[in-house]
Amino acid sequence: MRFLADESCDFAVVRALRAAHHDVAAVVEVSPGAEDDAVLALAQSDSRLLLTEDKDFGLLAYGRETAGVLLIRYPSASRASLGDAVVTIVAELGDRLSGAFVVIEPGRARVSRPMGG
């Protein structure tokens, strides 16, 4: 699976997904300081699901054609397991992630709505 990690995404998620053989580009490596609209455009043009911890992407992505958005909502007490948890959820949801808005929280993932207009 192909992902683009926003600068707000904990890099432990990037490392864990890469270790699980996913193709993960990180904004901090390819386009540091990019505005949110540019990040969404990059994810779409490269057919990558966006990994973010920035709630603003929910509003920005609504009604747009996207490969999907994974919003990570993990409190500090649960962050030690964050990378492994995301890898597990990605494996469990598989193709359901494509084009969806998914909120990942400790112990669960909610596939909220399809993206696109």
PDB file of N, CA and C in Angstrom:
ATOM      1  N   MET A   1       0.847  -1.175   0.000  1.00  0.00           N
ATOM      2  CA  MET A   1       0.000   0.000   0.000  1.00  0.00           C
ATOM      3  C   MET A   1       0.893   1.239   0.000  1.00  0.00           C
ATOM      4  N   ARG A   2       0.395   2.317  -0.608  1.00  0.00           N
ATOM      5  CA  ARG A   2       1.175   3.558  -0.733  1.00  0.00           C
ATOM      6  C   ARG A   2       0.597   4.640   0.183  1.00  0.00           C
ATOM      7  N   PHE A   3       1.483   5.293   0.930  1.00  0.00           N
ATOM      8  CA  PHE A   3       1.082   6.321   1.891  1.00  0.00           C
ATOM      9  C   PHE A   3       1.929   7.572   1.712  1.00  0.00           C
ATOM     10  N   LEU A   4       1.367   8.713   2.144  1.00  0.00           N
ATOM     11  CA  LEU A   4       2.105   9.962   2.298  1.00  0.00           C
ATOM     12  C   LEU A   4       1.887  10.424   3.726  1.00  0.00           C
ATOM     13  N   ALA A   5       2.956  10.521   4.492  1.00  0.00           N
ATOM     14  CA  ALA A   5       2.866  10.958   5.885  1.00  0.00           C
ATOM     15  C   ALA A   5       3.043  12.470   5.961  1.00  0.00           C
ATOM     16  N   ASP A   6       2.026  13.143   6.457  1.00  0.00           N
ATOM     17  CA  ASP A   6       2.073  14.585   6.693  1.00  0.00           C
ATOM     18  C   ASP A   6       3.130  14.864   7.765  1.00  0.00           C
ATOM     19  N   GLU A   7       3.584  16.101   7.836  1.00  0.00           N
ATOM     20  CA  GLU A   7       4.584  16.459   8.847  1.00  0.00           C
ATOM     21  C   GLU A   7       4.079  16.281  10.273  1.00  0.00           C
ATOM     22  N   SER A   8       2.756  16.265  10.467  1.00  0.00           N
ATOM     23  CA  SER A   8       2.218  16.077  11.808  1.00  0.00           C
ATOM     24  C   SER A   8       2.216  14.605  12.232  1.00  0.00           C
ATOM     25  N   CYS A   9       2.450  13.714  11.298  1.00  0.00           N
ATOM     26  CA  CYS A   9       2.405  12.276  11.588  1.00  0.00           C
ATOM     27  C   CYS A   9       3.672  11.848  12.324  1.00  0.00           C
ATOM     28  N   ASP A  10       3.487  11.159  13.430  1.00  0.00           N
ATOM     29  CA  ASP A  10       4.602  10.630  14.217  1.00  0.00           C
ATOM     30  C   ASP A  10       5.462   9.744  13.316  1.00  0.00           C
ATOM     31  N   PHE A  11       6.772   9.986  13.284  1.00  0.00           N
ATOM     32  CA  PHE A  11       7.641   9.244  12.375  1.00  0.00           C
ATOM     33  C   PHE A  11       7.736   7.765  12.745  1.00  0.00           C
ATOM     34  N   ALA A  12       7.323   7.391  13.942  1.00  0.00           N
ATOM     35  CA  ALA A  12       7.275   5.967  14.314  1.00  0.00           C
ATOM     36  C   ALA A  12       6.304   5.222  13.392  1.00  0.00           C
ATOM     37  N   VAL A  13       5.259   5.897  12.939  1.00  0.00           N
ATOM     38  CA  VAL A  13       4.301   5.298  12.010  1.00  0.00           C
ATOM     39  C   VAL A  13       4.977   5.051  10.666  1.00  0.00           C
ATOM     40  N   VAL A  14       5.740   6.025  10.191  1.00  0.00           N
ATOM     41  CA  VAL A  14       6.463   5.891   8.923  1.00  0.00           C
ATOM     42  C   VAL A  14       7.422   4.709   9.000  1.00  0.00           C
ATOM     43  N   ARG A  15       8.213   4.644  10.062  1.00  0.00           N
ATOM     44  CA  ARG A  15       9.182   3.544  10.208  1.00  0.00           C
ATOM     45  C   ARG A  15       8.487   2.191  10.270  1.00  0.00           C
ATOM     46  N   ALA A  16       7.393   2.102  11.022  1.00  0.00           N
ATOM     47  CA  ALA A  16       6.685   0.825  11.172  1.00  0.00           C
ATOM     48  C   ALA A  16       6.075   0.367   9.847  1.00  0.00           C
ATOM     49  N   LEU A  17       5.452   1.285   9.111  1.00  0.00           N
ATOM     50  CA  LEU A  17       4.866   0.911   7.827  1.00  0.00           C
ATOM     51  C   LEU A  17       5.938   0.527   6.811  1.00  0.00           C
ATOM     52  N   ARG A  18       7.048   1.244   6.811  1.00  0.00           N
ATOM     53  CA  ARG A  18       8.149   0.881   5.912  1.00  0.00           C
ATOM     54  C   ARG A  18       8.698  -0.498   6.269  1.00  0.00           C
ATOM     55  N   ALA A  19       8.830  -0.786   7.551  1.00  0.00           N
ATOM     56  CA  ALA A  19       9.318  -2.099   7.995  1.00  0.00           C
ATOM     57  C   ALA A  19       8.358  -3.214   7.578  1.00  0.00           C
ATOM     58  N   ALA A  20       7.068  -2.871   7.437  1.00  0.00           N
ATOM     59  CA  ALA A  20       6.055  -3.834   6.998  1.00  0.00           C
ATOM     60  C   ALA A  20       5.939  -3.853   5.466  1.00  0.00           C
ATOM     61  N   HIS A  21       6.902  -3.236   4.790  1.00  0.00           N
ATOM     62  CA  HIS A  21       7.041  -3.257   3.325  1.00  0.00           C
ATOM     63  C   HIS A  21       5.987  -2.430   2.592  1.00  0.00           C
ATOM     64  N   HIS A  22       5.489  -1.381   3.242  1.00  0.00           N
ATOM     65  CA  HIS A  22       4.607  -0.439   2.563  1.00  0.00           C
ATOM     66  C   HIS A  22       5.464   0.682   1.986  1.00  0.00           C
ATOM     67  N   ASP A  23       4.982   1.277   0.924  1.00  0.00           N
ATOM     68  CA  ASP A  23       5.646   2.402   0.266  1.00  0.00           C
ATOM     69  C   ASP A  23       5.175   3.677   0.963  1.00  0.00           C
ATOM     70  N   VAL A  24       6.043   4.285   1.762  1.00  0.00           N
ATOM     71  CA  VAL A  24       5.669   5.466   2.540  1.00  0.00           C
ATOM     72  C   VAL A  24       6.594   6.627   2.205  1.00  0.00           C
ATOM     73  N   ALA A  25       6.017   7.669   1.635  1.00  0.00           N
ATOM     74  CA  ALA A  25       6.734   8.924   1.425  1.00  0.00           C
ATOM     75  C   ALA A  25       6.383   9.826   2.607  1.00  0.00           C
ATOM     76  N   ALA A  26       7.326  10.644   3.021  1.00  0.00           N
ATOM     77  CA  ALA A  26       7.096  11.556   4.144  1.00  0.00           C
ATOM     78  C   ALA A  26       7.284  12.990   3.658  1.00  0.00           C
ATOM     79  N   VAL A  27       6.310  13.836   3.949  1.00  0.00           N
ATOM     80  CA  VAL A  27       6.374  15.231   3.529  1.00  0.00           C
ATOM     81  C   VAL A  27       7.660  15.877   4.022  1.00  0.00           C
ATOM     82  N   VAL A  28       8.077  15.544   5.231  1.00  0.00           N
ATOM     83  CA  VAL A  28       9.298  16.125   5.785  1.00  0.00           C
ATOM     84  C   VAL A  28      10.528  15.779   4.932  1.00  0.00           C
ATOM     85  N   GLU A  29      10.456  14.695   4.176  1.00  0.00           N
ATOM     86  CA  GLU A  29      11.572  14.283   3.314  1.00  0.00           C
ATOM     87  C   GLU A  29      11.436  14.789   1.879  1.00  0.00           C
ATOM     88  N   VAL A  30      10.194  14.907   1.382  1.00  0.00           N
ATOM     89  CA  VAL A  30      10.000  15.245  -0.028  1.00  0.00           C
ATOM     90  C   VAL A  30       9.555  16.679  -0.292  1.00  0.00           C
ATOM     91  N   SER A  31       8.916  17.311   0.685  1.00  0.00           N
ATOM     92  CA  SER A  31       8.420  18.680   0.481  1.00  0.00           C
ATOM     93  C   SER A  31       8.218  19.373   1.821  1.00  0.00           C
ATOM     94  N   PRO A  32       9.293  19.556   2.589  1.00  0.00           N
ATOM     95  CA  PRO A  32       9.152  20.138   3.926  1.00  0.00           C
ATOM     96  C   PRO A  32       8.481  21.506   3.895  1.00  0.00           C
ATOM     97  N   GLY A  33       7.572  21.700   4.848  1.00  0.00           N
ATOM     98  CA  GLY A  33       6.894  22.987   4.971  1.00  0.00           C
ATOM     99  C   GLY A  33       5.742  23.193   4.004  1.00  0.00           C
ATOM    100  N   ALA A  34       5.381  22.158   3.252  1.00  0.00           N
ATOM    101  CA  ALA A  34       4.295  22.288   2.269  1.00  0.00           C
ATOM    102  C   ALA A  34       2.981  22.644   2.961  1.00  0.00           C
ATOM    103  N   GLU A  35       2.202  23.487   2.315  1.00  0.00           N
ATOM    104  CA  GLU A  35       0.869  23.844   2.806  1.00  0.00           C
ATOM    105  C   GLU A  35      -0.045  22.630   2.696  1.00  0.00           C
ATOM    106  N   ASP A  36      -1.102  22.609   3.510  1.00  0.00           N
ATOM    107  CA  ASP A  36      -2.009  21.462   3.542  1.00  0.00           C
ATOM    108  C   ASP A  36      -2.618  21.143   2.178  1.00  0.00           C
ATOM    109  N   ASP A  37      -3.027  22.147   1.429  1.00  0.00           N
ATOM    110  CA  ASP A  37      -3.598  21.909   0.099  1.00  0.00           C
ATOM    111  C   ASP A  37      -2.593  21.227  -0.823  1.00  0.00           C
ATOM    112  N   ALA A  38      -1.330  21.641  -0.730  1.00  0.00           N
ATOM    113  CA  ALA A  38      -0.281  21.033  -1.548  1.00  0.00           C
ATOM    114  C   ALA A  38      -0.027  19.587  -1.123  1.00  0.00           C
ATOM    115  N   VAL A  39      -0.129  19.318   0.168  1.00  0.00           N
ATOM    116  CA  VAL A  39       0.041  17.948   0.675  1.00  0.00           C
ATOM    117  C   VAL A  39      -1.068  17.055   0.126  1.00  0.00           C
ATOM    118  N   LEU A  40      -2.310  17.519   0.188  1.00  0.00           N
ATOM    119  CA  LEU A  40      -3.423  16.746  -0.365  1.00  0.00           C
ATOM    120  C   LEU A  40      -3.248  16.510  -1.860  1.00  0.00           C
ATOM    121  N   ALA A  41      -2.820  17.522  -2.573  1.00  0.00           N
ATOM    122  CA  ALA A  41      -2.610  17.389  -4.014  1.00  0.00           C
ATOM    123  C   ALA A  41      -1.504  16.377  -4.312  1.00  0.00           C
ATOM    124  N   LEU A  42      -0.435  16.411  -3.530  1.00  0.00           N
ATOM    125  CA  LEU A  42       0.660  15.458  -3.713  1.00  0.00           C
ATOM    126  C   LEU A  42       0.190  14.036  -3.452  1.00  0.00           C
ATOM    127  N   ALA A  43      -0.566  13.840  -2.386  1.00  0.00           N
ATOM    128  CA  ALA A  43      -1.089  12.509  -2.075  1.00  0.00           C
ATOM    129  C   ALA A  43      -1.965  12.005  -3.220  1.00  0.00           C
ATOM    130  N   GLN A  44      -2.826  12.866  -3.727  1.00  0.00           N
ATOM    131  CA  GLN A  44      -3.721  12.466  -4.813  1.00  0.00           C
ATOM    132  C   GLN A  44      -2.947  12.168  -6.088  1.00  0.00           C
ATOM    133  N   SER A  45      -2.017  13.033  -6.453  1.00  0.00           N
ATOM    134  CA  SER A  45      -1.286  12.840  -7.713  1.00  0.00           C
ATOM    135  C   SER A  45      -0.425  11.581  -7.680  1.00  0.00           C
ATOM    136  N   ASP A  46       0.030  11.185  -6.495  1.00  0.00           N
ATOM    137  CA  ASP A  46       0.843   9.972  -6.351  1.00  0.00           C
ATOM    138  C   ASP A  46       0.019   8.753  -5.930  1.00  0.00           C
ATOM    139  N   SER A  47      -1.318   8.904  -5.855  1.00  0.00           N
ATOM    140  CA  SER A  47      -2.218   7.818  -5.416  1.00  0.00           C
ATOM    141  C   SER A  47      -1.784   7.236  -4.079  1.00  0.00           C
ATOM    142  N   ARG A  48      -1.574   8.136  -3.109  1.00  0.00           N
ATOM    143  CA  ARG A  48      -1.155   7.735  -1.767  1.00  0.00           C
ATOM    144  C   ARG A  48      -2.224   8.103  -0.753  1.00  0.00           C
ATOM    145  N   LEU A  49      -2.456   7.222   0.206  1.00  0.00           N
ATOM    146  CA  LEU A  49      -3.327   7.534   1.331  1.00  0.00           C
ATOM    147  C   LEU A  49      -2.564   8.471   2.254  1.00  0.00           C
ATOM    148  N   LEU A  50      -3.208   9.518   2.699  1.00  0.00           N
ATOM    149  CA  LEU A  50      -2.568  10.499   3.564  1.00  0.00           C
ATOM    150  C   LEU A  50      -2.637  10.055   5.020  1.00  0.00           C
ATOM    151  N   LEU A  51      -1.493  10.031   5.693  1.00  0.00           N
ATOM    152  CA  LEU A  51      -1.393   9.766   7.127  1.00  0.00           C
ATOM    153  C   LEU A  51      -1.209  11.098   7.832  1.00  0.00           C
ATOM    154  N   THR A  52      -2.059  11.408   8.787  1.00  0.00           N
ATOM    155  CA  THR A  52      -1.954  12.695   9.458  1.00  0.00           C
ATOM    156  C   THR A  52      -2.472  12.623  10.890  1.00  0.00           C
ATOM    157  N   GLU A  53      -2.041  13.572  11.692  1.00  0.00           N
ATOM    158  CA  GLU A  53      -2.600  13.760  13.030  1.00  0.00           C
ATOM    159  C   GLU A  53      -3.271  15.130  13.118  1.00  0.00           C
ATOM    160  N   ASP A  54      -3.401  15.790  11.979  1.00  0.00           N
ATOM    161  CA  ASP A  54      -3.980  17.131  11.870  1.00  0.00           C
ATOM    162  C   ASP A  54      -5.453  17.030  11.488  1.00  0.00           C
ATOM    163  N   LYS A  55      -6.346  17.367  12.422  1.00  0.00           N
ATOM    164  CA  LYS A  55      -7.790  17.268  12.192  1.00  0.00           C
ATOM    165  C   LYS A  55      -8.261  18.150  11.040  1.00  0.00           C
ATOM    166  N   ASP A  56      -7.513  19.188  10.703  1.00  0.00           N
ATOM    167  CA  ASP A  56      -7.905  20.077   9.612  1.00  0.00           C
ATOM    168  C   ASP A  56      -8.038  19.343   8.278  1.00  0.00           C
ATOM    169  N   PHE A  57      -7.338  18.236   8.118  1.00  0.00           N
ATOM    170  CA  PHE A  57      -7.419  17.516   6.846  1.00  0.00           C
ATOM    171  C   PHE A  57      -8.799  16.922   6.610  1.00  0.00           C
ATOM    172  N   GLY A  58      -9.568  16.686   7.654  1.00  0.00           N
ATOM    173  CA  GLY A  58     -10.930  16.207   7.472  1.00  0.00           C
ATOM    174  C   GLY A  58     -11.755  17.208   6.690  1.00  0.00           C
ATOM    175  N   LEU A  59     -11.675  18.469   7.075  1.00  0.00           N
ATOM    176  CA  LEU A  59     -12.412  19.524   6.377  1.00  0.00           C
ATOM    177  C   LEU A  59     -11.840  19.785   4.994  1.00  0.00           C
ATOM    178  N   LEU A  60     -10.525  19.783   4.878  1.00  0.00           N
ATOM    179  CA  LEU A  60      -9.898  20.051   3.585  1.00  0.00           C
ATOM    180  C   LEU A  60     -10.205  18.966   2.561  1.00  0.00           C
ATOM    181  N   ALA A  61     -10.253  17.722   3.021  1.00  0.00           N
ATOM    182  CA  ALA A  61     -10.440  16.597   2.102  1.00  0.00           C
ATOM    183  C   ALA A  61     -11.901  16.364   1.739  1.00  0.00           C
ATOM    184  N   TYR A  62     -12.823  16.874   2.549  1.00  0.00           N
ATOM    185  CA  TYR A  62     -14.244  16.609   2.310  1.00  0.00           C
ATOM    186  C   TYR A  62     -14.659  17.077   0.913  1.00  0.00           C
ATOM    187  N   GLY A  63     -15.268  16.179   0.165  1.00  0.00           N
ATOM    188  CA  GLY A  63     -15.758  16.510  -1.162  1.00  0.00           C
ATOM    189  C   GLY A  63     -14.704  16.497  -2.245  1.00  0.00           C
ATOM    190  N   ARG A  64     -13.471  16.213  -1.889  1.00  0.00           N
ATOM    191  CA  ARG A  64     -12.393  16.142  -2.878  1.00  0.00           C
ATOM    192  C   ARG A  64     -12.116  14.695  -3.253  1.00  0.00           C
ATOM    193  N   GLU A  65     -11.602  14.537  -4.438  1.00  0.00           N
ATOM    194  CA  GLU A  65     -11.133  13.230  -4.874  1.00  0.00           C
ATOM    195  C   GLU A  65      -9.802  12.981  -4.160  1.00  0.00           C
ATOM    196  N   THR A  66      -9.735  11.931  -3.352  1.00  0.00           N
ATOM    197  CA  THR A  66      -8.482  11.579  -2.681  1.00  0.00           C
ATOM    198  C   THR A  66      -8.313  10.073  -2.692  1.00  0.00           C
ATOM    199  N   ALA A  67      -7.091   9.637  -2.462  1.00  0.00           N
ATOM    200  CA  ALA A  67      -6.805   8.209  -2.331  1.00  0.00           C
ATOM    201  C   ALA A  67      -7.234   7.713  -0.954  1.00  0.00           C
ATOM    202  N   GLY A  68      -7.514   8.652  -0.031  1.00  0.00           N
ATOM    203  CA  GLY A  68      -7.930   8.326   1.325  1.00  0.00           C
ATOM    204  C   GLY A  68      -7.138   9.108   2.347  1.00  0.00           C
ATOM    205  N   VAL A  69      -7.711   9.229   3.540  1.00  0.00           N
ATOM    206  CA  VAL A  69      -7.065   9.937   4.641  1.00  0.00           C
ATOM    207  C   VAL A  69      -7.166   9.068   5.889  1.00  0.00           C
ATOM    208  N   LEU A  70      -6.041   8.873   6.568  1.00  0.00           N
ATOM    209  CA  LEU A  70      -6.015   8.178   7.856  1.00  0.00           C
ATOM    210  C   LEU A  70      -5.646   9.191   8.915  1.00  0.00           C
ATOM    211  N   LEU A  71      -6.620   9.567   9.731  1.00  0.00           N
ATOM    212  CA  LEU A  71      -6.417  10.528  10.807  1.00  0.00           C
ATOM    213  C   LEU A  71      -6.095   9.751  12.078  1.00  0.00           C
ATOM    214  N   ILE A  72      -4.924   9.982  12.625  1.00  0.00           N
ATOM    215  CA  ILE A  72      -4.453   9.261  13.807  1.00  0.00           C
ATOM    216  C   ILE A  72      -4.738  10.103  15.047  1.00  0.00           C
ATOM    217  N   ARG A  73      -5.509   9.540  15.975  1.00  0.00           N
ATOM    218  CA  ARG A  73      -5.884  10.224  17.213  1.00  0.00           C
ATOM    219  C   ARG A  73      -5.444   9.357  18.393  1.00  0.00           C
ATOM    220  N   TYR A  74      -4.204   9.502  18.796  1.00  0.00           N
ATOM    221  CA  TYR A  74      -3.640   8.701  19.890  1.00  0.00           C
ATOM    222  C   TYR A  74      -3.173   9.619  21.004  1.00  0.00           C
ATOM    223  N   PRO A  75      -3.673   9.420  22.224  1.00  0.00           N
ATOM    224  CA  PRO A  75      -3.201  10.225  23.356  1.00  0.00           C
ATOM    225  C   PRO A  75      -1.774   9.826  23.734  1.00  0.00           C
ATOM    226  N   SER A  76      -1.100  10.690  24.430  1.00  0.00           N
ATOM    227  CA  SER A  76       0.306  10.444  24.780  1.00  0.00           C
ATOM    228  C   SER A  76       0.511   9.145  25.548  1.00  0.00           C
ATOM    229  N   ALA A  77      -0.447   8.736  26.358  1.00  0.00           N
ATOM    230  CA  ALA A  77      -0.309   7.508  27.150  1.00  0.00           C
ATOM    231  C   ALA A  77      -0.289   6.253  26.278  1.00  0.00           C
ATOM    232  N   SER A  78      -0.788   6.334  25.051  1.00  0.00           N
ATOM    233  CA  SER A  78      -0.880   5.164  24.169  1.00  0.00           C
ATOM    234  C   SER A  78       0.130   5.181  23.027  1.00  0.00           C
ATOM    235  N   ARG A  79       0.987   6.185  22.965  1.00  0.00           N
ATOM    236  CA  ARG A  79       1.833   6.371  21.792  1.00  0.00           C
ATOM    237  C   ARG A  79       2.945   5.345  21.640  1.00  0.00           C
ATOM    238  N   ALA A  80       3.316   4.653  22.690  1.00  0.00           N
ATOM    239  CA  ALA A  80       4.399   3.665  22.591  1.00  0.00           C
ATOM    240  C   ALA A  80       4.055   2.572  21.581  1.00  0.00           C
ATOM    241  N   SER A  81       2.775   2.273  21.420  1.00  0.00           N
ATOM    242  CA  SER A  81       2.348   1.206  20.509  1.00  0.00           C
ATOM    243  C   SER A  81       1.830   1.745  19.170  1.00  0.00           C
ATOM    244  N   LEU A  82       1.993   3.018  18.921  1.00  0.00           N
ATOM    245  CA  LEU A  82       1.376   3.655  17.760  1.00  0.00           C
ATOM    246  C   LEU A  82       1.780   3.022  16.428  1.00  0.00           C
ATOM    247  N   GLY A  83       3.058   2.869  16.177  1.00  0.00           N
ATOM    248  CA  GLY A  83       3.505   2.313  14.897  1.00  0.00           C
ATOM    249  C   GLY A  83       2.928   0.938  14.631  1.00  0.00           C
ATOM    250  N   ASP A  84       3.032   0.047  15.592  1.00  0.00           N
ATOM    251  CA  ASP A  84       2.502  -1.306  15.433  1.00  0.00           C
ATOM    252  C   ASP A  84       0.984  -1.291  15.275  1.00  0.00           C
ATOM    253  N   ALA A  85       0.310  -0.420  15.994  1.00  0.00           N
ATOM    254  CA  ALA A  85      -1.145  -0.340  15.912  1.00  0.00           C
ATOM    255  C   ALA A  85      -1.599   0.081  14.519  1.00  0.00           C
ATOM    256  N   VAL A  86      -0.925   1.043  13.925  1.00  0.00           N
ATOM    257  CA  VAL A  86      -1.287   1.494  12.578  1.00  0.00           C
ATOM    258  C   VAL A  86      -1.036   0.377  11.565  1.00  0.00           C
ATOM    259  N   VAL A  87       0.085  -0.315  11.680  1.00  0.00           N
ATOM    260  CA  VAL A  87       0.373  -1.431  10.772  1.00  0.00           C
ATOM    261  C   VAL A  87      -0.726  -2.491  10.877  1.00  0.00           C
ATOM    262  N   THR A  88      -1.149  -2.801  12.087  1.00  0.00           N
ATOM    263  CA  THR A  88      -2.200  -3.796  12.302  1.00  0.00           C
ATOM    264  C   THR A  88      -3.514  -3.356  11.670  1.00  0.00           C
ATOM    265  N   ILE A  89      -3.889  -2.107  11.880  1.00  0.00           N
ATOM    266  CA  ILE A  89      -5.147  -1.594  11.330  1.00  0.00           C
ATOM    267  C   ILE A  89      -5.099  -1.564   9.806  1.00  0.00           C
ATOM    268  N   VAL A  90      -3.974  -1.177   9.242  1.00  0.00           N
ATOM    269  CA  VAL A  90      -3.819  -1.173   7.786  1.00  0.00           C
ATOM    270  C   VAL A  90      -3.988  -2.591   7.243  1.00  0.00           C
ATOM    271  N   ALA A  91      -3.393  -3.571   7.912  1.00  0.00           N
ATOM    272  CA  ALA A  91      -3.526  -4.964   7.472  1.00  0.00           C
ATOM    273  C   ALA A  91      -4.969  -5.442   7.590  1.00  0.00           C
ATOM    274  N   GLU A  92      -5.649  -5.070   8.657  1.00  0.00           N
ATOM    275  CA  GLU A  92      -7.039  -5.503   8.868  1.00  0.00           C
ATOM    276  C   GLU A  92      -8.009  -4.858   7.876  1.00  0.00           C
ATOM    277  N   LEU A  93      -7.836  -3.580   7.612  1.00  0.00           N
ATOM    278  CA  LEU A  93      -8.782  -2.863   6.750  1.00  0.00           C
ATOM    279  C   LEU A  93      -8.466  -3.012   5.266  1.00  0.00           C
ATOM    280  N   GLY A  94      -7.203  -3.154   4.923  1.00  0.00           N
ATOM    281  CA  GLY A  94      -6.808  -3.372   3.534  1.00  0.00           C
ATOM    282  C   GLY A  94      -7.446  -2.405   2.563  1.00  0.00           C
ATOM    283  N   ASP A  95      -8.141  -2.959   1.573  1.00  0.00           N
ATOM    284  CA  ASP A  95      -8.731  -2.157   0.504  1.00  0.00           C
ATOM    285  C   ASP A  95      -9.833  -1.217   0.969  1.00  0.00           C
ATOM    286  N   ARG A  96     -10.387  -1.435   2.152  1.00  0.00           N
ATOM    287  CA  ARG A  96     -11.419  -0.517   2.677  1.00  0.00           C
ATOM    288  C   ARG A  96     -10.853   0.881   2.918  1.00  0.00           C
ATOM    289  N   LEU A  97      -9.525   0.999   3.018  1.00  0.00           N
ATOM    290  CA  LEU A  97      -8.895   2.297   3.239  1.00  0.00           C
ATOM    291  C   LEU A  97      -8.959   3.186   1.995  1.00  0.00           C
ATOM    292  N   SER A  98      -8.977   2.569   0.851  1.00  0.00           N
ATOM    293  CA  SER A  98      -8.919   3.306  -0.402  1.00  0.00           C
ATOM    294  C   SER A  98     -10.100   4.248  -0.556  1.00  0.00           C
ATOM    295  N   GLY A  99      -9.802   5.533  -0.685  1.00  0.00           N
ATOM    296  CA  GLY A  99     -10.817   6.551  -0.882  1.00  0.00           C
ATOM    297  C   GLY A  99     -11.656   6.882   0.333  1.00  0.00           C
ATOM    298  N   ALA A 100     -11.300   6.368   1.500  1.00  0.00           N
ATOM    299  CA  ALA A 100     -12.095   6.575   2.713  1.00  0.00           C
ATOM    300  C   ALA A 100     -11.430   7.565   3.660  1.00  0.00           C
ATOM    301  N   PHE A 101     -12.225   8.066   4.593  1.00  0.00           N
ATOM    302  CA  PHE A 101     -11.704   8.873   5.698  1.00  0.00           C
ATOM    303  C   PHE A 101     -11.767   7.973   6.924  1.00  0.00           C
ATOM    304  N   VAL A 102     -10.608   7.673   7.492  1.00  0.00           N
ATOM    305  CA  VAL A 102     -10.521   6.709   8.587  1.00  0.00           C
ATOM    306  C   VAL A 102      -9.901   7.390   9.799  1.00  0.00           C
ATOM    307  N   VAL A 103     -10.549   7.241  10.940  1.00  0.00           N
ATOM    308  CA  VAL A 103     -10.017   7.759  12.201  1.00  0.00           C
ATOM    309  C   VAL A 103      -9.487   6.567  12.981  1.00  0.00           C
ATOM    310  N   ILE A 104      -8.200   6.616  13.311  1.00  0.00           N
ATOM    311  CA  ILE A 104      -7.552   5.539  14.050  1.00  0.00           C
ATOM    312  C   ILE A 104      -7.339   6.007  15.481  1.00  0.00           C
ATOM    313  N   GLU A 105      -7.891   5.240  16.423  1.00  0.00           N
ATOM    314  CA  GLU A 105      -7.771   5.524  17.850  1.00  0.00           C
ATOM    315  C   GLU A 105      -7.314   4.248  18.546  1.00  0.00           C
ATOM    316  N   PRO A 106      -6.838   4.338  19.780  1.00  0.00           N
ATOM    317  CA  PRO A 106      -6.421   3.122  20.473  1.00  0.00           C
ATOM    318  C   PRO A 106      -7.539   2.078  20.483  1.00  0.00           C
ATOM    319  N   GLY A 107      -7.237   0.915  19.933  1.00  0.00           N
ATOM    320  CA  GLY A 107      -8.181  -0.191  19.953  1.00  0.00           C
ATOM    321  C   GLY A 107      -9.259  -0.194  18.891  1.00  0.00           C
ATOM    322  N   ARG A 108      -9.292   0.832  18.016  1.00  0.00           N
ATOM    323  CA  ARG A 108     -10.326   0.834  16.985  1.00  0.00           C
ATOM    324  C   ARG A 108      -9.997   1.777  15.826  1.00  0.00           C
ATOM    325  N   ALA A 109     -10.698   1.535  14.753  1.00  0.00           N
ATOM    326  CA  ALA A 109     -10.613   2.409  13.577  1.00  0.00           C
ATOM    327  C   ALA A 109     -12.027   2.591  13.044  1.00  0.00           C
ATOM    328  N   ARG A 110     -12.382   3.826  12.739  1.00  0.00           N
ATOM    329  CA  ARG A 110     -13.703   4.130  12.193  1.00  0.00           C
ATOM    330  C   ARG A 110     -13.551   4.575  10.737  1.00  0.00           C
ATOM    331  N   VAL A 111     -14.180   3.840   9.856  1.00  0.00           N
ATOM    332  CA  VAL A 111     -14.219   4.233   8.452  1.00  0.00           C
ATOM    333  C   VAL A 111     -15.448   5.116   8.314  1.00  0.00           C
ATOM    334  N   SER A 112     -15.207   6.434   8.282  1.00  0.00           N
ATOM    335  CA  SER A 112     -16.299   7.394   8.412  1.00  0.00           C
ATOM    336  C   SER A 112     -17.115   7.614   7.158  1.00  0.00           C
ATOM    337  N   ARG A 113     -16.457   7.818   6.051  1.00  0.00           N
ATOM    338  CA  ARG A 113     -17.195   8.131   4.837  1.00  0.00           C
ATOM    339  C   ARG A 113     -16.269   8.017   3.656  1.00  0.00           C
ATOM    340  N   PRO A 114     -16.828   7.724   2.496  1.00  0.00           N
ATOM    341  CA  PRO A 114     -15.993   7.752   1.303  1.00  0.00           C
ATOM    342  C   PRO A 114     -15.637   9.193   0.966  1.00  0.00           C
ATOM    343  N   MET A 115     -14.514   9.379   0.347  1.00  0.00           N
ATOM    344  CA  MET A 115     -14.078  10.708  -0.054  1.00  0.00           C
ATOM    345  C   MET A 115     -14.550  10.965  -1.484  1.00  0.00           C
ATOM    346  N   GLY A 116     -14.311  12.142  -1.945  1.00  0.00           N
ATOM    347  CA  GLY A 116     -14.606  12.490  -3.330  1.00  0.00           C
ATOM    348  C   GLY A 116     -15.965  13.147  -3.482  1.00  0.00           C
ATOM    349  N   GLY A 117     -16.158  13.786  -4.607  1.00  0.00           N
ATOM    350  CA  GLY A 117     -17.396  14.502  -4.815  1.00  0.00           C
ATOM    351  C   GLY A 117     -18.176  14.024  -5.978  1.00  0.00           C
TER     352      GLY A 117
END
